[in-house]
Amino acid sequence: MSSTSWDKTASLYDGPRAVGGRLHVTPDQRLQFRPHGFDRALGGRTLDIGLDTTTRLSRTKRTWFAPRRHVLVETADGTRARPLVNGAADLIERLAGAARTAGANPDVDNH
């Protein structure tokens, strides 16, 4: 794994299940999620996305089932990741900056 440019505690939604762990943006502009040991033992998946492929960054709508807004990361190949973090607006701005540094021009909806 590359050394980390910054990281944040997060949960990553894998279907209806939230997997706890750490979200990283590496110096080579990759978004990575690594589950904690307990969730890894239960089959929690990792994530590794090149931010140069990012097409859209947004926040999901609140619903009865999901009262907190998640960040939605979408890529050119159809990958969708839904991390839940404190400070979603800040995360979207950071990811947008990293994606632009990597050469992408994602659509950003931070409202």
N, C-alpha and C. Protein backbone atom coordinates (compact mmCIF):
# COMPACT_ATOMS: atom_id res chain seq x y z
N MET A 1 0.85 -1.18 0.00
CA MET A 1 0.00 0.00 0.00
C MET A 1 0.89 1.24 0.00
N SER A 2 0.49 2.26 -0.72
CA SER A 2 1.24 3.50 -0.76
C SER A 2 1.16 4.19 0.60
N SER A 3 2.11 5.08 0.87
CA SER A 3 2.00 5.84 2.10
C SER A 3 0.79 6.76 1.98
N THR A 4 0.19 7.08 3.11
CA THR A 4 -1.08 7.79 3.11
C THR A 4 -0.89 9.29 3.05
N SER A 5 -1.61 9.95 2.17
CA SER A 5 -1.65 11.39 2.10
C SER A 5 -2.56 11.92 3.22
N TRP A 6 -3.69 11.29 3.43
CA TRP A 6 -4.57 11.54 4.59
C TRP A 6 -5.51 10.36 4.75
N ASP A 7 -6.02 10.22 5.98
CA ASP A 7 -6.97 9.15 6.21
C ASP A 7 -8.00 9.57 7.24
N LYS A 8 -9.08 8.79 7.31
CA LYS A 8 -10.22 9.15 8.13
C LYS A 8 -10.95 7.89 8.54
N THR A 9 -11.46 7.86 9.77
CA THR A 9 -12.32 6.77 10.20
C THR A 9 -13.60 6.81 9.38
N ALA A 10 -14.06 5.66 8.93
CA ALA A 10 -15.25 5.62 8.08
C ALA A 10 -15.91 4.25 8.17
N SER A 11 -17.13 4.21 7.71
CA SER A 11 -17.81 2.95 7.44
C SER A 11 -18.05 2.92 5.94
N LEU A 12 -17.94 1.76 5.34
CA LEU A 12 -18.20 1.62 3.91
C LEU A 12 -19.40 0.69 3.77
N TYR A 13 -20.41 1.15 3.08
CA TYR A 13 -21.60 0.33 2.88
C TYR A 13 -21.36 -0.67 1.77
N ASP A 14 -21.61 -1.92 2.10
CA ASP A 14 -21.51 -3.04 1.17
C ASP A 14 -22.90 -3.66 1.14
N GLY A 15 -23.76 -3.15 0.22
CA GLY A 15 -25.17 -3.50 0.27
C GLY A 15 -25.75 -2.82 1.51
N PRO A 16 -26.55 -3.51 2.29
CA PRO A 16 -27.13 -2.89 3.48
C PRO A 16 -26.20 -2.90 4.69
N ARG A 17 -25.08 -3.58 4.59
CA ARG A 17 -24.16 -3.74 5.71
C ARG A 17 -23.10 -2.65 5.73
N ALA A 18 -22.88 -2.07 6.90
CA ALA A 18 -21.81 -1.08 7.07
C ALA A 18 -20.58 -1.78 7.63
N VAL A 19 -19.45 -1.59 6.99
CA VAL A 19 -18.18 -2.19 7.41
C VAL A 19 -17.32 -1.06 7.96
N GLY A 20 -16.87 -1.20 9.21
CA GLY A 20 -16.04 -0.18 9.83
C GLY A 20 -14.59 -0.29 9.41
N GLY A 21 -13.90 0.85 9.32
CA GLY A 21 -12.50 0.82 8.95
C GLY A 21 -11.92 2.20 8.76
N ARG A 22 -10.94 2.30 7.88
CA ARG A 22 -10.27 3.56 7.58
C ARG A 22 -10.32 3.83 6.09
N LEU A 23 -10.60 5.07 5.75
CA LEU A 23 -10.62 5.54 4.37
C LEU A 23 -9.34 6.34 4.16
N HIS A 24 -8.60 6.03 3.10
CA HIS A 24 -7.31 6.68 2.82
C HIS A 24 -7.35 7.30 1.43
N VAL A 25 -6.68 8.43 1.29
CA VAL A 25 -6.32 8.94 -0.04
C VAL A 25 -4.80 8.95 -0.05
N THR A 26 -4.23 8.24 -1.00
CA THR A 26 -2.79 8.07 -1.07
C THR A 26 -2.15 9.18 -1.90
N PRO A 27 -0.83 9.37 -1.78
CA PRO A 27 -0.15 10.39 -2.58
C PRO A 27 -0.31 10.19 -4.09
N ASP A 28 -0.53 8.94 -4.52
CA ASP A 28 -0.73 8.70 -5.96
C ASP A 28 -2.22 8.75 -6.34
N GLN A 29 -3.02 9.45 -5.50
CA GLN A 29 -4.43 9.77 -5.78
C GLN A 29 -5.30 8.52 -5.93
N ARG A 30 -5.21 7.62 -4.99
CA ARG A 30 -6.07 6.45 -4.92
C ARG A 30 -6.90 6.55 -3.66
N LEU A 31 -8.18 6.20 -3.77
CA LEU A 31 -9.07 6.12 -2.62
C LEU A 31 -9.10 4.67 -2.18
N GLN A 32 -8.71 4.44 -0.93
CA GLN A 32 -8.66 3.07 -0.42
C GLN A 32 -9.43 2.99 0.88
N PHE A 33 -10.10 1.86 1.07
CA PHE A 33 -10.76 1.56 2.34
C PHE A 33 -10.23 0.24 2.84
N ARG A 34 -9.85 0.21 4.10
CA ARG A 34 -9.37 -1.00 4.74
C ARG A 34 -10.24 -1.26 5.97
N PRO A 35 -10.95 -2.40 6.00
CA PRO A 35 -11.80 -2.69 7.16
C PRO A 35 -10.97 -3.00 8.41
N HIS A 36 -11.57 -2.73 9.56
CA HIS A 36 -10.96 -3.12 10.83
C HIS A 36 -10.88 -4.64 10.88
N GLY A 37 -10.05 -5.17 11.75
CA GLY A 37 -9.83 -6.61 11.86
C GLY A 37 -11.11 -7.42 12.04
N PHE A 38 -12.02 -6.95 12.91
CA PHE A 38 -13.26 -7.68 13.15
C PHE A 38 -14.10 -7.77 11.89
N ASP A 39 -14.28 -6.63 11.21
CA ASP A 39 -15.07 -6.64 9.97
C ASP A 39 -14.36 -7.39 8.86
N ARG A 40 -13.04 -7.33 8.83
CA ARG A 40 -12.28 -8.09 7.83
C ARG A 40 -12.51 -9.59 8.04
N ALA A 41 -12.53 -10.03 9.31
CA ALA A 41 -12.76 -11.44 9.62
C ALA A 41 -14.16 -11.89 9.21
N LEU A 42 -15.10 -10.94 9.20
CA LEU A 42 -16.48 -11.25 8.79
C LEU A 42 -16.70 -11.07 7.30
N GLY A 43 -15.63 -10.87 6.55
CA GLY A 43 -15.75 -10.76 5.10
C GLY A 43 -15.90 -9.35 4.57
N GLY A 44 -15.61 -8.34 5.41
CA GLY A 44 -15.68 -6.96 4.94
C GLY A 44 -14.69 -6.72 3.82
N ARG A 45 -15.15 -6.09 2.77
CA ARG A 45 -14.30 -5.92 1.59
C ARG A 45 -13.44 -4.66 1.67
N THR A 46 -12.34 -4.71 0.95
CA THR A 46 -11.49 -3.54 0.80
C THR A 46 -11.95 -2.80 -0.45
N LEU A 47 -11.44 -1.60 -0.61
CA LEU A 47 -11.77 -0.79 -1.78
C LEU A 47 -10.49 -0.11 -2.23
N ASP A 48 -10.29 -0.04 -3.53
CA ASP A 48 -9.12 0.65 -4.09
C ASP A 48 -9.54 1.24 -5.43
N ILE A 49 -9.74 2.55 -5.45
CA ILE A 49 -10.23 3.26 -6.65
C ILE A 49 -9.20 4.31 -7.05
N GLY A 50 -8.82 4.32 -8.31
CA GLY A 50 -8.00 5.40 -8.84
C GLY A 50 -8.87 6.63 -9.00
N LEU A 51 -8.54 7.71 -8.31
CA LEU A 51 -9.39 8.90 -8.38
C LEU A 51 -9.37 9.56 -9.75
N ASP A 52 -8.45 9.14 -10.62
CA ASP A 52 -8.45 9.65 -11.99
C ASP A 52 -9.66 9.15 -12.79
N THR A 53 -10.36 8.14 -12.27
CA THR A 53 -11.55 7.60 -12.95
C THR A 53 -12.85 8.13 -12.36
N THR A 54 -12.76 9.03 -11.38
CA THR A 54 -13.96 9.55 -10.71
C THR A 54 -14.78 10.42 -11.66
N THR A 55 -16.07 10.12 -11.75
CA THR A 55 -16.97 10.91 -12.60
C THR A 55 -17.94 11.75 -11.79
N ARG A 56 -18.27 11.33 -10.56
CA ARG A 56 -19.25 12.06 -9.75
C ARG A 56 -18.96 11.85 -8.27
N LEU A 57 -19.11 12.94 -7.51
CA LEU A 57 -19.02 12.93 -6.06
C LEU A 57 -20.25 13.65 -5.53
N SER A 58 -21.00 12.99 -4.67
CA SER A 58 -22.22 13.60 -4.15
C SER A 58 -22.55 13.06 -2.77
N ARG A 59 -23.58 13.64 -2.17
CA ARG A 59 -24.10 13.12 -0.90
C ARG A 59 -25.47 12.53 -1.17
N THR A 60 -25.72 11.38 -0.55
CA THR A 60 -27.02 10.73 -0.72
C THR A 60 -28.08 11.50 0.04
N LYS A 61 -29.33 11.25 -0.30
CA LYS A 61 -30.45 11.86 0.41
C LYS A 61 -30.70 11.12 1.71
N ARG A 62 -31.23 11.82 2.69
CA ARG A 62 -31.64 11.17 3.94
C ARG A 62 -32.92 10.38 3.67
N THR A 63 -33.00 9.23 4.29
CA THR A 63 -34.23 8.42 4.22
C THR A 63 -34.51 7.89 5.62
N TRP A 64 -35.66 7.27 5.76
CA TRP A 64 -35.99 6.65 7.04
C TRP A 64 -34.96 5.57 7.37
N PHE A 65 -34.56 4.82 6.35
CA PHE A 65 -33.61 3.73 6.54
C PHE A 65 -32.19 4.25 6.75
N ALA A 66 -31.85 5.37 6.14
CA ALA A 66 -30.50 5.94 6.24
C ALA A 66 -30.62 7.42 6.61
N PRO A 67 -30.77 7.72 7.91
CA PRO A 67 -30.97 9.12 8.32
C PRO A 67 -29.75 10.02 8.14
N ARG A 68 -28.56 9.42 8.03
CA ARG A 68 -27.35 10.22 7.76
C ARG A 68 -27.02 10.15 6.28
N ARG A 69 -26.48 11.24 5.77
CA ARG A 69 -26.13 11.30 4.36
C ARG A 69 -24.75 10.68 4.14
N HIS A 70 -24.67 9.79 3.16
CA HIS A 70 -23.41 9.15 2.79
C HIS A 70 -22.77 9.92 1.65
N VAL A 71 -21.49 9.74 1.49
CA VAL A 71 -20.79 10.24 0.31
C VAL A 71 -20.94 9.16 -0.76
N LEU A 72 -21.23 9.56 -1.97
CA LEU A 72 -21.33 8.62 -3.09
C LEU A 72 -20.23 8.95 -4.08
N VAL A 73 -19.36 7.97 -4.32
CA VAL A 73 -18.25 8.11 -5.27
C VAL A 73 -18.58 7.22 -6.46
N GLU A 74 -18.64 7.80 -7.66
CA GLU A 74 -18.93 7.03 -8.87
C GLU A 74 -17.77 7.18 -9.84
N THR A 75 -17.45 6.07 -10.53
CA THR A 75 -16.33 6.08 -11.46
C THR A 75 -16.78 5.74 -12.88
N ALA A 76 -15.88 5.95 -13.82
CA ALA A 76 -16.18 5.72 -15.24
C ALA A 76 -16.54 4.26 -15.53
N ASP A 77 -16.00 3.32 -14.76
CA ASP A 77 -16.31 1.90 -15.02
C ASP A 77 -17.56 1.42 -14.28
N GLY A 78 -18.28 2.35 -13.62
CA GLY A 78 -19.53 1.99 -12.95
C GLY A 78 -19.38 1.63 -11.49
N THR A 79 -18.16 1.69 -10.96
CA THR A 79 -17.96 1.43 -9.53
C THR A 79 -18.64 2.52 -8.73
N ARG A 80 -19.35 2.10 -7.68
CA ARG A 80 -20.01 3.03 -6.76
C ARG A 80 -19.59 2.66 -5.34
N ALA A 81 -19.10 3.62 -4.60
CA ALA A 81 -18.72 3.41 -3.21
C ALA A 81 -19.49 4.40 -2.35
N ARG A 82 -19.97 3.92 -1.19
CA ARG A 82 -20.75 4.76 -0.28
C ARG A 82 -20.13 4.78 1.11
N PRO A 83 -19.10 5.60 1.32
CA PRO A 83 -18.58 5.73 2.68
C PRO A 83 -19.44 6.66 3.52
N LEU A 84 -19.52 6.34 4.80
CA LEU A 84 -20.20 7.18 5.77
C LEU A 84 -19.13 7.73 6.70
N VAL A 85 -19.02 9.05 6.75
CA VAL A 85 -17.99 9.71 7.55
C VAL A 85 -18.58 10.92 8.25
N ASN A 86 -17.95 11.34 9.33
CA ASN A 86 -18.26 12.65 9.89
C ASN A 86 -17.58 13.66 8.98
N GLY A 87 -18.27 14.73 8.66
CA GLY A 87 -17.68 15.74 7.78
C GLY A 87 -17.77 15.37 6.31
N ALA A 88 -18.95 14.92 5.86
CA ALA A 88 -19.12 14.49 4.47
C ALA A 88 -18.79 15.60 3.47
N ALA A 89 -19.20 16.83 3.76
CA ALA A 89 -18.94 17.94 2.83
C ALA A 89 -17.43 18.14 2.65
N ASP A 90 -16.69 18.08 3.76
CA ASP A 90 -15.23 18.23 3.69
C ASP A 90 -14.61 17.09 2.90
N LEU A 91 -15.10 15.85 3.13
CA LEU A 91 -14.56 14.72 2.38
C LEU A 91 -14.79 14.88 0.89
N ILE A 92 -15.96 15.34 0.49
CA ILE A 92 -16.23 15.53 -0.93
C ILE A 92 -15.28 16.56 -1.53
N GLU A 93 -15.04 17.65 -0.83
CA GLU A 93 -14.10 18.66 -1.33
C GLU A 93 -12.69 18.09 -1.45
N ARG A 94 -12.26 17.32 -0.46
CA ARG A 94 -10.92 16.71 -0.50
C ARG A 94 -10.82 15.72 -1.67
N LEU A 95 -11.85 14.89 -1.83
CA LEU A 95 -11.83 13.91 -2.93
C LEU A 95 -11.86 14.62 -4.28
N ALA A 96 -12.65 15.68 -4.39
CA ALA A 96 -12.71 16.43 -5.65
C ALA A 96 -11.34 17.01 -5.99
N GLY A 97 -10.66 17.57 -4.99
CA GLY A 97 -9.32 18.11 -5.22
C GLY A 97 -8.34 17.03 -5.64
N ALA A 98 -8.40 15.88 -4.98
CA ALA A 98 -7.50 14.77 -5.32
C ALA A 98 -7.81 14.24 -6.72
N ALA A 99 -9.09 14.16 -7.05
CA ALA A 99 -9.48 13.68 -8.38
C ALA A 99 -8.99 14.64 -9.46
N ARG A 100 -9.10 15.93 -9.21
CA ARG A 100 -8.62 16.92 -10.19
C ARG A 100 -7.11 16.83 -10.34
N THR A 101 -6.41 16.65 -9.23
CA THR A 101 -4.95 16.48 -9.28
C THR A 101 -4.59 15.26 -10.14
N ALA A 102 -5.44 14.22 -10.06
CA ALA A 102 -5.20 12.98 -10.82
C ALA A 102 -5.62 13.10 -12.28
N GLY A 103 -6.26 14.21 -12.65
CA GLY A 103 -6.64 14.42 -14.05
C GLY A 103 -8.11 14.23 -14.35
N ALA A 104 -8.93 13.93 -13.35
CA ALA A 104 -10.37 13.77 -13.57
C ALA A 104 -11.05 15.12 -13.38
N ASN A 105 -12.26 15.24 -13.88
CA ASN A 105 -13.07 16.44 -13.67
C ASN A 105 -14.46 15.98 -13.24
N PRO A 106 -14.58 15.51 -11.99
CA PRO A 106 -15.85 14.94 -11.55
C PRO A 106 -16.94 15.99 -11.38
N ASP A 107 -18.18 15.56 -11.61
CA ASP A 107 -19.35 16.35 -11.27
C ASP A 107 -19.47 16.31 -9.76
N VAL A 108 -19.55 17.47 -9.12
CA VAL A 108 -19.58 17.52 -7.65
C VAL A 108 -20.90 18.13 -7.20
N ASP A 109 -21.65 17.39 -6.39
CA ASP A 109 -22.89 17.88 -5.79
C ASP A 109 -22.73 17.75 -4.29
N ASN A 110 -22.43 18.86 -3.64
CA ASN A 110 -22.12 18.85 -2.22
C ASN A 110 -23.23 19.51 -1.40
N HIS A 111 -24.45 19.41 -1.87
CA HIS A 111 -25.58 20.02 -1.15
C HIS A 111 -26.45 18.98 -0.51
